[in-house]
PDB file of all heavy atoms in Angstrom:
ATOM      1  N   VAL A   1       4.712   1.610   1.170  1.00  0.00           N
ATOM      2  CA  VAL A   1       6.141   1.345   0.977  1.00  0.00           C
ATOM      3  C   VAL A   1       6.962   2.474   1.592  1.00  0.00           C
ATOM      4  O   VAL A   1       7.980   2.246   2.246  1.00  0.00           O
ATOM      5  CB  VAL A   1       6.480   1.192  -0.520  1.00  0.00           C
ATOM      6  CG1 VAL A   1       7.980   0.999  -0.722  1.00  0.00           C
ATOM      7  CG2 VAL A   1       5.722   0.012  -1.117  1.00  0.00           C
ATOM      8  N   TYR A   2       6.512   3.719   1.363  1.00  0.00           N
ATOM      9  CA  TYR A   2       7.160   4.892   1.947  1.00  0.00           C
ATOM     10  C   TYR A   2       6.215   5.554   2.939  1.00  0.00           C
ATOM     11  O   TYR A   2       5.031   5.751   2.627  1.00  0.00           O
ATOM     12  CB  TYR A   2       7.501   5.934   0.878  1.00  0.00           C
ATOM     13  CG  TYR A   2       8.502   5.522  -0.164  1.00  0.00           C
ATOM     14  CD1 TYR A   2       8.453   6.088  -1.437  1.00  0.00           C
ATOM     15  CD2 TYR A   2       9.513   4.611   0.115  1.00  0.00           C
ATOM     16  CE1 TYR A   2       9.373   5.746  -2.415  1.00  0.00           C
ATOM     17  CE2 TYR A   2      10.438   4.249  -0.852  1.00  0.00           C
ATOM     18  CZ  TYR A   2      10.355   4.822  -2.126  1.00  0.00           C
ATOM     19  OH  TYR A   2      11.265   4.477  -3.082  1.00  0.00           O
ATOM     20  N   PRO A   3       6.702   5.921   4.108  1.00  0.00           N
ATOM     21  CA  PRO A   3       5.886   6.768   4.991  1.00  0.00           C
ATOM     22  C   PRO A   3       5.856   8.177   4.412  1.00  0.00           C
ATOM     23  O   PRO A   3       6.875   8.699   3.968  1.00  0.00           O
ATOM     24  CB  PRO A   3       6.651   6.720   6.319  1.00  0.00           C
ATOM     25  CG  PRO A   3       8.080   6.460   5.921  1.00  0.00           C
ATOM     26  CD  PRO A   3       8.018   5.591   4.698  1.00  0.00           C
ATOM     27  N   ILE A   4       4.677   8.793   4.387  1.00  0.00           N
ATOM     28  CA  ILE A   4       4.602  10.124   3.807  1.00  0.00           C
ATOM     29  C   ILE A   4       5.162  11.162   4.779  1.00  0.00           C
ATOM     30  O   ILE A   4       5.171  10.951   5.995  1.00  0.00           O
ATOM     31  CB  ILE A   4       3.163  10.484   3.401  1.00  0.00           C
ATOM     32  CG1 ILE A   4       2.225  10.499   4.607  1.00  0.00           C
ATOM     33  CG2 ILE A   4       2.659   9.526   2.336  1.00  0.00           C
ATOM     34  CD1 ILE A   4       0.813  10.946   4.269  1.00  0.00           C
ATOM     35  N   THR A   5       5.636  12.253   4.227  1.00  0.00           N
ATOM     36  CA  THR A   5       6.182  13.335   5.051  1.00  0.00           C
ATOM     37  C   THR A   5       5.068  14.143   5.683  1.00  0.00           C
ATOM     38  O   THR A   5       5.147  14.551   6.842  1.00  0.00           O
ATOM     39  CB  THR A   5       7.088  14.244   4.194  1.00  0.00           C
ATOM     40  OG1 THR A   5       8.116  13.443   3.590  1.00  0.00           O
ATOM     41  CG2 THR A   5       7.735  15.323   5.037  1.00  0.00           C
ATOM     42  N   SER A   6       4.008  14.379   4.913  1.00  0.00           N
ATOM     43  CA  SER A   6       2.836  15.076   5.444  1.00  0.00           C
ATOM     44  C   SER A   6       1.630  14.744   4.576  1.00  0.00           C
ATOM     45  O   SER A   6       1.767  14.251   3.453  1.00  0.00           O
ATOM     46  CB  SER A   6       3.062  16.591   5.479  1.00  0.00           C
ATOM     47  OG  SER A   6       3.287  17.101   4.173  1.00  0.00           O
ATOM     48  N   GLY A   7       0.433  15.012   5.111  1.00  0.00           N
ATOM     49  CA  GLY A   7      -0.797  14.730   4.383  1.00  0.00           C
ATOM     50  C   GLY A   7      -1.553  13.557   4.994  1.00  0.00           C
ATOM     51  O   GLY A   7      -1.153  13.003   6.031  1.00  0.00           O
ATOM     52  N   GLU A   8      -2.627  13.162   4.326  1.00  0.00           N
ATOM     53  CA  GLU A   8      -3.456  12.061   4.803  1.00  0.00           C
ATOM     54  C   GLU A   8      -3.916  11.200   3.629  1.00  0.00           C
ATOM     55  O   GLU A   8      -4.096  11.693   2.511  1.00  0.00           O
ATOM     56  CB  GLU A   8      -4.698  12.576   5.545  1.00  0.00           C
ATOM     57  CG  GLU A   8      -4.396  13.361   6.822  1.00  0.00           C
ATOM     58  CD  GLU A   8      -3.863  12.499   7.954  1.00  0.00           C
ATOM     59  OE1 GLU A   8      -3.845  11.263   7.814  1.00  0.00           O
ATOM     60  OE2 GLU A   8      -3.478  13.074   8.992  1.00  0.00           O
ATOM     61  N   ILE A   9      -4.119   9.894   3.915  1.00  0.00           N
ATOM     62  CA  ILE A   9      -4.613   8.952   2.918  1.00  0.00           C
ATOM     63  C   ILE A   9      -5.790   8.198   3.526  1.00  0.00           C
ATOM     64  O   ILE A   9      -5.690   7.662   4.642  1.00  0.00           O
ATOM     65  CB  ILE A   9      -3.513   7.959   2.484  1.00  0.00           C
ATOM     66  CG1 ILE A   9      -2.294   8.710   1.957  1.00  0.00           C
ATOM     67  CG2 ILE A   9      -4.054   6.992   1.413  1.00  0.00           C
ATOM     68  CD1 ILE A   9      -1.096   7.815   1.655  1.00  0.00           C
ATOM     69  N   TYR A  10      -6.916   8.140   2.781  1.00  0.00           N
ATOM     70  CA  TYR A  10      -8.115   7.465   3.253  1.00  0.00           C
ATOM     71  C   TYR A  10      -8.570   6.440   2.219  1.00  0.00           C
ATOM     72  O   TYR A  10      -8.543   6.703   1.015  1.00  0.00           O
ATOM     73  CB  TYR A  10      -9.249   8.469   3.483  1.00  0.00           C
ATOM     74  CG  TYR A  10      -8.958   9.499   4.552  1.00  0.00           C
ATOM     75  CD1 TYR A  10      -8.353  10.709   4.216  1.00  0.00           C
ATOM     76  CD2 TYR A  10      -9.292   9.267   5.882  1.00  0.00           C
ATOM     77  CE1 TYR A  10      -8.079  11.661   5.184  1.00  0.00           C
ATOM     78  CE2 TYR A  10      -9.029  10.220   6.863  1.00  0.00           C
ATOM     79  CZ  TYR A  10      -8.415  11.408   6.505  1.00  0.00           C
ATOM     80  OH  TYR A  10      -8.148  12.350   7.476  1.00  0.00           O
ATOM     81  N   PHE A  11      -8.983   5.274   2.708  1.00  0.00           N
ATOM     82  CA  PHE A  11      -9.529   4.235   1.839  1.00  0.00           C
ATOM     83  C   PHE A  11     -10.881   3.816   2.388  1.00  0.00           C
ATOM     84  O   PHE A  11     -10.984   3.424   3.545  1.00  0.00           O
ATOM     85  CB  PHE A  11      -8.583   3.030   1.767  1.00  0.00           C
ATOM     86  CG  PHE A  11      -9.045   1.953   0.827  1.00  0.00           C
ATOM     87  CD1 PHE A  11      -9.121   2.182  -0.541  1.00  0.00           C
ATOM     88  CD2 PHE A  11      -9.411   0.704   1.300  1.00  0.00           C
ATOM     89  CE1 PHE A  11      -9.550   1.200  -1.411  1.00  0.00           C
ATOM     90  CE2 PHE A  11      -9.836  -0.290   0.436  1.00  0.00           C
ATOM     91  CZ  PHE A  11      -9.912  -0.031  -0.928  1.00  0.00           C
ATOM     92  N   LYS A  12     -11.915   3.963   1.583  1.00  0.00           N
ATOM     93  CA  LYS A  12     -13.295   3.703   2.012  1.00  0.00           C
ATOM     94  C   LYS A  12     -13.629   4.484   3.284  1.00  0.00           C
ATOM     95  O   LYS A  12     -14.311   3.996   4.180  1.00  0.00           O
ATOM     96  CB  LYS A  12     -13.527   2.200   2.211  1.00  0.00           C
ATOM     97  CG  LYS A  12     -13.405   1.388   0.928  1.00  0.00           C
ATOM     98  CD  LYS A  12     -13.872  -0.043   1.097  1.00  0.00           C
ATOM     99  CE  LYS A  12     -13.009  -0.803   2.067  1.00  0.00           C
ATOM    100  NZ  LYS A  12     -13.393  -2.254   2.125  1.00  0.00           N
ATOM    101  N   GLY A  13     -13.117   5.697   3.366  1.00  0.00           N
ATOM    102  CA  GLY A  13     -13.402   6.571   4.492  1.00  0.00           C
ATOM    103  C   GLY A  13     -12.543   6.337   5.717  1.00  0.00           C
ATOM    104  O   GLY A  13     -12.627   7.089   6.690  1.00  0.00           O
ATOM    105  N   GLU A  14     -11.693   5.300   5.672  1.00  0.00           N
ATOM    106  CA  GLU A  14     -10.846   4.963   6.824  1.00  0.00           C
ATOM    107  C   GLU A  14      -9.429   5.481   6.595  1.00  0.00           C
ATOM    108  O   GLU A  14      -8.842   5.288   5.532  1.00  0.00           O
ATOM    109  CB  GLU A  14     -10.812   3.449   7.027  1.00  0.00           C
ATOM    110  CG  GLU A  14      -9.956   3.008   8.188  1.00  0.00           C
ATOM    111  CD  GLU A  14      -9.904   1.500   8.339  1.00  0.00           C
ATOM    112  OE1 GLU A  14     -10.644   0.804   7.604  1.00  0.00           O
ATOM    113  OE2 GLU A  14      -9.132   1.008   9.172  1.00  0.00           O
ATOM    114  N   ARG A  15      -8.867   6.100   7.585  1.00  0.00           N
ATOM    115  CA  ARG A  15      -7.502   6.626   7.487  1.00  0.00           C
ATOM    116  C   ARG A  15      -6.503   5.472   7.469  1.00  0.00           C
ATOM    117  O   ARG A  15      -6.477   4.656   8.382  1.00  0.00           O
ATOM    118  CB  ARG A  15      -7.212   7.544   8.678  1.00  0.00           C
ATOM    119  CG  ARG A  15      -5.835   8.211   8.655  1.00  0.00           C
ATOM    120  CD  ARG A  15      -5.751   9.202   9.809  1.00  0.00           C
ATOM    121  NE  ARG A  15      -4.453   9.869   9.871  1.00  0.00           N
ATOM    122  CZ  ARG A  15      -3.427   9.457  10.619  1.00  0.00           C
ATOM    123  NH1 ARG A  15      -3.556   8.366  11.377  1.00  0.00           N
ATOM    124  NH2 ARG A  15      -2.291  10.118  10.617  1.00  0.00           N
ATOM    125  N   ILE A  16      -5.678   5.419   6.421  1.00  0.00           N
ATOM    126  CA  ILE A  16      -4.674   4.352   6.311  1.00  0.00           C
ATOM    127  C   ILE A  16      -3.264   4.936   6.223  1.00  0.00           C
ATOM    128  O   ILE A  16      -2.320   4.237   5.858  1.00  0.00           O
ATOM    129  CB  ILE A  16      -4.943   3.456   5.082  1.00  0.00           C
ATOM    130  CG1 ILE A  16      -4.865   4.259   3.771  1.00  0.00           C
ATOM    131  CG2 ILE A  16      -6.286   2.753   5.202  1.00  0.00           C
ATOM    132  CD1 ILE A  16      -4.836   3.386   2.521  1.00  0.00           C
ATOM    133  N   THR A  17      -3.119   6.186   6.596  1.00  0.00           N
ATOM    134  CA  THR A  17      -1.877   6.926   6.397  1.00  0.00           C
ATOM    135  C   THR A  17      -0.654   6.201   6.937  1.00  0.00           C
ATOM    136  O   THR A  17       0.381   6.146   6.288  1.00  0.00           O
ATOM    137  CB  THR A  17      -1.979   8.317   7.054  1.00  0.00           C
ATOM    138  OG1 THR A  17      -3.151   8.960   6.571  1.00  0.00           O
ATOM    139  CG2 THR A  17      -0.763   9.160   6.715  1.00  0.00           C
ATOM    140  N   LEU A  18      -0.743   5.617   8.113  1.00  0.00           N
ATOM    141  CA  LEU A  18       0.434   5.041   8.761  1.00  0.00           C
ATOM    142  C   LEU A  18       0.424   3.513   8.792  1.00  0.00           C
ATOM    143  O   LEU A  18       1.259   2.900   9.458  1.00  0.00           O
ATOM    144  CB  LEU A  18       0.554   5.585  10.190  1.00  0.00           C
ATOM    145  CG  LEU A  18       0.705   7.112  10.308  1.00  0.00           C
ATOM    146  CD1 LEU A  18       0.726   7.520  11.777  1.00  0.00           C
ATOM    147  CD2 LEU A  18       1.970   7.581   9.604  1.00  0.00           C
ATOM    148  N   LEU A  19      -0.498   2.889   8.061  1.00  0.00           N
ATOM    149  CA  LEU A  19      -0.575   1.429   8.084  1.00  0.00           C
ATOM    150  C   LEU A  19       0.589   0.789   7.333  1.00  0.00           C
ATOM    151  O   LEU A  19       1.117   1.346   6.365  1.00  0.00           O
ATOM    152  CB  LEU A  19      -1.890   0.958   7.463  1.00  0.00           C
ATOM    153  CG  LEU A  19      -3.176   1.234   8.233  1.00  0.00           C
ATOM    154  CD1 LEU A  19      -4.356   0.580   7.522  1.00  0.00           C
ATOM    155  CD2 LEU A  19      -3.083   0.730   9.670  1.00  0.00           C
ATOM    156  N   LYS A  20       0.960  -0.423   7.757  1.00  0.00           N
ATOM    157  CA  LYS A  20       2.000  -1.177   7.068  1.00  0.00           C
ATOM    158  C   LYS A  20       1.443  -1.797   5.793  1.00  0.00           C
ATOM    159  O   LYS A  20       0.240  -1.940   5.621  1.00  0.00           O
ATOM    160  CB  LYS A  20       2.552  -2.262   7.996  1.00  0.00           C
ATOM    161  CG  LYS A  20       3.279  -1.705   9.219  1.00  0.00           C
ATOM    162  CD  LYS A  20       3.827  -2.821  10.093  1.00  0.00           C
ATOM    163  CE  LYS A  20       4.562  -2.269  11.295  1.00  0.00           C
ATOM    164  NZ  LYS A  20       5.094  -3.357  12.169  1.00  0.00           N
ATOM    165  N   GLN A  21       2.379  -2.220   4.920  1.00  0.00           N
ATOM    166  CA  GLN A  21       1.984  -2.710   3.603  1.00  0.00           C
ATOM    167  C   GLN A  21       0.998  -3.871   3.674  1.00  0.00           C
ATOM    168  O   GLN A  21       0.014  -3.902   2.924  1.00  0.00           O
ATOM    169  CB  GLN A  21       3.232  -3.143   2.823  1.00  0.00           C
ATOM    170  CG  GLN A  21       4.186  -2.019   2.479  1.00  0.00           C
ATOM    171  CD  GLN A  21       5.399  -2.537   1.736  1.00  0.00           C
ATOM    172  OE1 GLN A  21       5.300  -3.113   0.648  1.00  0.00           O
ATOM    173  NE2 GLN A  21       6.577  -2.334   2.315  1.00  0.00           N
ATOM    174  N   ASP A  22       1.271  -4.858   4.529  1.00  0.00           N
ATOM    175  CA  ASP A  22       0.418  -6.038   4.559  1.00  0.00           C
ATOM    176  C   ASP A  22      -0.989  -5.699   5.035  1.00  0.00           C
ATOM    177  O   ASP A  22      -1.981  -6.268   4.554  1.00  0.00           O
ATOM    178  CB  ASP A  22       1.033  -7.137   5.442  1.00  0.00           C
ATOM    179  CG  ASP A  22       1.230  -6.707   6.882  1.00  0.00           C
ATOM    180  OD1 ASP A  22       1.516  -5.517   7.115  1.00  0.00           O
ATOM    181  OD2 ASP A  22       1.105  -7.554   7.787  1.00  0.00           O
ATOM    182  N   LEU A  23      -1.106  -4.741   5.954  1.00  0.00           N
ATOM    183  CA  LEU A  23      -2.418  -4.338   6.432  1.00  0.00           C
ATOM    184  C   LEU A  23      -3.188  -3.575   5.356  1.00  0.00           C
ATOM    185  O   LEU A  23      -4.405  -3.696   5.238  1.00  0.00           O
ATOM    186  CB  LEU A  23      -2.286  -3.480   7.686  1.00  0.00           C
ATOM    187  CG  LEU A  23      -1.726  -4.196   8.920  1.00  0.00           C
ATOM    188  CD1 LEU A  23      -1.593  -3.227  10.082  1.00  0.00           C
ATOM    189  CD2 LEU A  23      -2.622  -5.377   9.309  1.00  0.00           C
ATOM    190  N   ILE A  24      -2.463  -2.809   4.555  1.00  0.00           N
ATOM    191  CA  ILE A  24      -3.100  -2.079   3.452  1.00  0.00           C
ATOM    192  C   ILE A  24      -3.642  -3.059   2.422  1.00  0.00           C
ATOM    193  O   ILE A  24      -4.744  -2.885   1.892  1.00  0.00           O
ATOM    194  CB  ILE A  24      -2.102  -1.084   2.824  1.00  0.00           C
ATOM    195  CG1 ILE A  24      -1.851   0.070   3.802  1.00  0.00           C
ATOM    196  CG2 ILE A  24      -2.617  -0.554   1.487  1.00  0.00           C
ATOM    197  CD1 ILE A  24      -0.791   1.053   3.355  1.00  0.00           C
ATOM    198  N   VAL A  25      -2.886  -4.126   2.146  1.00  0.00           N
ATOM    199  CA  VAL A  25      -3.363  -5.165   1.223  1.00  0.00           C
ATOM    200  C   VAL A  25      -4.628  -5.802   1.773  1.00  0.00           C
ATOM    201  O   VAL A  25      -5.608  -6.035   1.046  1.00  0.00           O
ATOM    202  CB  VAL A  25      -2.282  -6.231   0.974  1.00  0.00           C
ATOM    203  CG1 VAL A  25      -2.859  -7.394   0.165  1.00  0.00           C
ATOM    204  CG2 VAL A  25      -1.095  -5.628   0.235  1.00  0.00           C
ATOM    205  N   ARG A  26      -4.636  -6.085   3.067  1.00  0.00           N
ATOM    206  CA  ARG A  26      -5.822  -6.692   3.688  1.00  0.00           C
ATOM    207  C   ARG A  26      -7.035  -5.774   3.598  1.00  0.00           C
ATOM    208  O   ARG A  26      -8.173  -6.245   3.537  1.00  0.00           O
ATOM    209  CB  ARG A  26      -5.527  -7.029   5.155  1.00  0.00           C
ATOM    210  CG  ARG A  26      -4.574  -8.192   5.346  1.00  0.00           C
ATOM    211  CD  ARG A  26      -4.327  -8.457   6.817  1.00  0.00           C
ATOM    212  NE  ARG A  26      -3.328  -9.476   7.024  1.00  0.00           N
ATOM    213  CZ  ARG A  26      -3.583 -10.785   7.065  1.00  0.00           C
ATOM    214  NH1 ARG A  26      -4.831 -11.202   6.925  1.00  0.00           N
ATOM    215  NH2 ARG A  26      -2.619 -11.662   7.260  1.00  0.00           N
ATOM    216  N   LYS A  27      -6.795  -4.474   3.587  1.00  0.00           N
ATOM    217  CA  LYS A  27      -7.901  -3.518   3.470  1.00  0.00           C
ATOM    218  C   LYS A  27      -8.524  -3.545   2.075  1.00  0.00           C
ATOM    219  O   LYS A  27      -9.678  -3.132   1.902  1.00  0.00           O
ATOM    220  CB  LYS A  27      -7.417  -2.095   3.777  1.00  0.00           C
ATOM    221  CG  LYS A  27      -6.959  -1.864   5.209  1.00  0.00           C
ATOM    222  CD  LYS A  27      -8.119  -1.909   6.176  1.00  0.00           C
ATOM    223  CE  LYS A  27      -7.643  -1.609   7.593  1.00  0.00           C
ATOM    224  NZ  LYS A  27      -8.749  -1.742   8.581  1.00  0.00           N
ATOM    225  N   GLY A  28      -7.734  -4.001   1.081  1.00  0.00           N
ATOM    226  CA  GLY A  28      -8.291  -4.088  -0.265  1.00  0.00           C
ATOM    227  C   GLY A  28      -7.555  -3.320  -1.340  1.00  0.00           C
ATOM    228  O   GLY A  28      -8.109  -3.074  -2.411  1.00  0.00           O
ATOM    229  N   LEU A  29      -6.297  -2.944  -1.089  1.00  0.00           N
ATOM    230  CA  LEU A  29      -5.469  -2.302  -2.104  1.00  0.00           C
ATOM    231  C   LEU A  29      -4.323  -3.241  -2.463  1.00  0.00           C
ATOM    232  O   LEU A  29      -3.634  -3.757  -1.569  1.00  0.00           O
ATOM    233  CB  LEU A  29      -4.867  -0.987  -1.603  1.00  0.00           C
ATOM    234  CG  LEU A  29      -5.790   0.197  -1.365  1.00  0.00           C
ATOM    235  CD1 LEU A  29      -6.393   0.130   0.022  1.00  0.00           C
ATOM    236  CD2 LEU A  29      -5.023   1.513  -1.526  1.00  0.00           C
ATOM    237  N   CYS A  30      -4.110  -3.465  -3.740  1.00  0.00           N
ATOM    238  CA  CYS A  30      -3.006  -4.315  -4.154  1.00  0.00           C
ATOM    239  C   CYS A  30      -2.412  -3.744  -5.432  1.00  0.00           C
ATOM    240  O   CYS A  30      -3.113  -3.148  -6.249  1.00  0.00           O
ATOM    241  CB  CYS A  30      -3.463  -5.752  -4.375  1.00  0.00           C
ATOM    242  SG  CYS A  30      -2.100  -6.932  -4.438  1.00  0.00           S
ATOM    243  N   ARG A  31      -1.121  -3.959  -5.638  1.00  0.00           N
ATOM    244  CA  ARG A  31      -0.422  -3.307  -6.730  1.00  0.00           C
ATOM    245  C   ARG A  31       0.463  -4.269  -7.509  1.00  0.00           C
ATOM    246  O   ARG A  31       0.803  -5.359  -7.030  1.00  0.00           O
ATOM    247  CB  ARG A  31       0.469  -2.195  -6.184  1.00  0.00           C
ATOM    248  CG  ARG A  31       1.610  -2.740  -5.326  1.00  0.00           C
ATOM    249  CD  ARG A  31       2.601  -1.682  -4.949  1.00  0.00           C
ATOM    250  NE  ARG A  31       3.289  -1.121  -6.105  1.00  0.00           N
ATOM    251  CZ  ARG A  31       4.194  -0.153  -6.019  1.00  0.00           C
ATOM    252  NH1 ARG A  31       4.508   0.351  -4.841  1.00  0.00           N
ATOM    253  NH2 ARG A  31       4.786   0.294  -7.091  1.00  0.00           N
ATOM    254  N   THR A  32       0.800  -3.836  -8.712  1.00  0.00           N
ATOM    255  CA  THR A  32       1.893  -4.446  -9.458  1.00  0.00           C
ATOM    256  C   THR A  32       3.040  -3.433  -9.445  1.00  0.00           C
ATOM    257  O   THR A  32       2.899  -2.311  -8.951  1.00  0.00           O
ATOM    258  CB  THR A  32       1.492  -4.764 -10.906  1.00  0.00           C
ATOM    259  OG1 THR A  32       1.191  -3.541 -11.593  1.00  0.00           O
ATOM    260  CG2 THR A  32       0.287  -5.686 -10.937  1.00  0.00           C
ATOM    261  N   PHE A  33       4.173  -3.836 -10.021  1.00  0.00           N
ATOM    262  CA  PHE A  33       5.355  -2.981  -9.965  1.00  0.00           C
ATOM    263  C   PHE A  33       5.844  -2.634 -11.359  1.00  0.00           C
ATOM    264  O   PHE A  33       5.626  -3.380 -12.316  1.00  0.00           O
ATOM    265  CB  PHE A  33       6.481  -3.682  -9.185  1.00  0.00           C
ATOM    266  CG  PHE A  33       6.190  -3.828  -7.718  1.00  0.00           C
ATOM    267  CD1 PHE A  33       5.447  -4.898  -7.250  1.00  0.00           C
ATOM    268  CD2 PHE A  33       6.647  -2.894  -6.808  1.00  0.00           C
ATOM    269  CE1 PHE A  33       5.161  -5.042  -5.903  1.00  0.00           C
ATOM    270  CE2 PHE A  33       6.364  -3.022  -5.454  1.00  0.00           C
ATOM    271  CZ  PHE A  33       5.625  -4.104  -5.003  1.00  0.00           C
ATOM    272  N   GLN A  34       6.529  -1.479 -11.452  1.00  0.00           N
ATOM    273  CA  GLN A  34       7.084  -1.042 -12.725  1.00  0.00           C
ATOM    274  C   GLN A  34       8.092  -2.064 -13.240  1.00  0.00           C
ATOM    275  O   GLN A  34       8.088  -2.421 -14.417  1.00  0.00           O
ATOM    276  CB  GLN A  34       7.746   0.321 -12.561  1.00  0.00           C
ATOM    277  CG  GLN A  34       8.293   0.904 -13.862  1.00  0.00           C
ATOM    278  CD  GLN A  34       8.845   2.306 -13.665  1.00  0.00           C
ATOM    279  OE1 GLN A  34       8.696   2.906 -12.597  1.00  0.00           O
ATOM    280  NE2 GLN A  34       9.472   2.834 -14.688  1.00  0.00           N
ATOM    281  N   GLU A  35       8.944  -2.526 -12.348  1.00  0.00           N
ATOM    282  CA  GLU A  35       9.893  -3.588 -12.695  1.00  0.00           C
ATOM    283  C   GLU A  35       9.226  -4.919 -12.344  1.00  0.00           C
ATOM    284  O   GLU A  35       8.772  -5.118 -11.223  1.00  0.00           O
ATOM    285  CB  GLU A  35      11.200  -3.422 -11.922  1.00  0.00           C
ATOM    286  CG  GLU A  35      11.957  -2.153 -12.276  1.00  0.00           C
ATOM    287  CD  GLU A  35      13.228  -2.005 -11.471  1.00  0.00           C
ATOM    288  OE1 GLU A  35      13.518  -2.910 -10.643  1.00  0.00           O
ATOM    289  OE2 GLU A  35      13.920  -1.002 -11.642  1.00  0.00           O
ATOM    290  N   LEU A  36       9.176  -5.798 -13.311  1.00  0.00           N
ATOM    291  CA  LEU A  36       8.492  -7.076 -13.139  1.00  0.00           C
ATOM    292  C   LEU A  36       9.001  -7.805 -11.895  1.00  0.00           C
ATOM    293  O   LEU A  36      10.202  -8.004 -11.744  1.00  0.00           O
ATOM    294  CB  LEU A  36       8.716  -7.938 -14.386  1.00  0.00           C
ATOM    295  CG  LEU A  36       7.876  -9.209 -14.501  1.00  0.00           C
ATOM    296  CD1 LEU A  36       6.399  -8.854 -14.607  1.00  0.00           C
ATOM    297  CD2 LEU A  36       8.308  -9.989 -15.734  1.00  0.00           C
ATOM    298  N   ARG A  37       8.102  -8.196 -11.014  1.00  0.00           N
ATOM    299  CA  ARG A  37       8.493  -8.864  -9.767  1.00  0.00           C
ATOM    300  C   ARG A  37       7.729 -10.172  -9.624  1.00  0.00           C
ATOM    301  O   ARG A  37       6.845 -10.296  -8.767  1.00  0.00           O
ATOM    302  CB  ARG A  37       8.232  -7.952  -8.566  1.00  0.00           C
ATOM    303  CG  ARG A  37       9.086  -6.703  -8.561  1.00  0.00           C
ATOM    304  CD  ARG A  37       9.020  -5.982  -7.247  1.00  0.00           C
ATOM    305  NE  ARG A  37       9.784  -4.754  -7.249  1.00  0.00           N
ATOM    306  CZ  ARG A  37       9.940  -3.961  -6.196  1.00  0.00           C
ATOM    307  NH1 ARG A  37       9.378  -4.282  -5.043  1.00  0.00           N
ATOM    308  NH2 ARG A  37      10.635  -2.848  -6.286  1.00  0.00           N
ATOM    309  N   ILE A  38       8.052 -11.120 -10.471  1.00  0.00           N
ATOM    310  CA  ILE A  38       7.526 -12.462 -10.292  1.00  0.00           C
ATOM    311  C   ILE A  38       8.677 -13.372  -9.904  1.00  0.00           C
ATOM    312  O   ILE A  38       9.847 -13.044 -10.102  1.00  0.00           O
ATOM    313  CB  ILE A  38       6.819 -12.980 -11.553  1.00  0.00           C
ATOM    314  CG1 ILE A  38       7.805 -13.100 -12.727  1.00  0.00           C
ATOM    315  CG2 ILE A  38       5.644 -12.103 -11.927  1.00  0.00           C
ATOM    316  CD1 ILE A  38       7.208 -13.801 -13.925  1.00  0.00           C
ATOM    317  N   PHE A  39       8.337 -14.522  -9.350  1.00  0.00           N
ATOM    318  CA  PHE A  39       9.353 -15.496  -8.966  1.00  0.00           C
ATOM    319  C   PHE A  39       9.570 -16.419 -10.158  1.00  0.00           C
ATOM    320  O   PHE A  39       8.808 -17.362 -10.386  1.00  0.00           O
ATOM    321  CB  PHE A  39       8.894 -16.265  -7.721  1.00  0.00           C
ATOM    322  CG  PHE A  39       8.709 -15.383  -6.521  1.00  0.00           C
ATOM    323  CD1 PHE A  39       7.474 -14.820  -6.249  1.00  0.00           C
ATOM    324  CD2 PHE A  39       9.773 -15.100  -5.681  1.00  0.00           C
ATOM    325  CE1 PHE A  39       7.295 -13.989  -5.149  1.00  0.00           C
ATOM    326  CE2 PHE A  39       9.609 -14.275  -4.572  1.00  0.00           C
ATOM    327  CZ  PHE A  39       8.364 -13.719  -4.308  1.00  0.00           C
ATOM    328  N   LYS A  40      10.614 -16.130 -10.907  1.00  0.00           N
ATOM    329  CA  LYS A  40      10.792 -16.777 -12.204  1.00  0.00           C
ATOM    330  C   LYS A  40      11.093 -18.258 -12.102  1.00  0.00           C
ATOM    331  O   LYS A  40      10.846 -19.011 -13.039  1.00  0.00           O
ATOM    332  CB  LYS A  40      11.894 -16.057 -12.997  1.00  0.00           C
ATOM    333  CG  LYS A  40      11.502 -14.639 -13.381  1.00  0.00           C
ATOM    334  CD  LYS A  40      12.487 -14.018 -14.353  1.00  0.00           C
ATOM    335  CE  LYS A  40      11.999 -12.646 -14.811  1.00  0.00           C
ATOM    336  NZ  LYS A  40      12.900 -12.053 -15.821  1.00  0.00           N
ATOM    337  N   ASN A  41      11.637 -18.712 -10.974  1.00  0.00           N
ATOM    338  CA  ASN A  41      11.949 -20.133 -10.813  1.00  0.00           C
ATOM    339  C   ASN A  41      10.784 -20.940 -10.257  1.00  0.00           C
ATOM    340  O   ASN A  41      10.880 -22.158 -10.131  1.00  0.00           O
ATOM    341  CB  ASN A  41      13.182 -20.302  -9.916  1.00  0.00           C
ATOM    342  CG  ASN A  41      14.448 -19.822 -10.589  1.00  0.00           C
ATOM    343  OD1 ASN A  41      14.606 -19.980 -11.800  1.00  0.00           O
ATOM    344  ND2 ASN A  41      15.349 -19.226  -9.816  1.00  0.00           N
TER     345      ASN A  41
END
């Protein structure tokens, strides 16, 4: 969601530091949110 200012992030040994959100989800990371984000209708 945010590009980091510095540092590195690795998932299963692969660098994902600059990947976009959808690609990160495809890699196998998925999240929920502090504020409920469902489509109520």
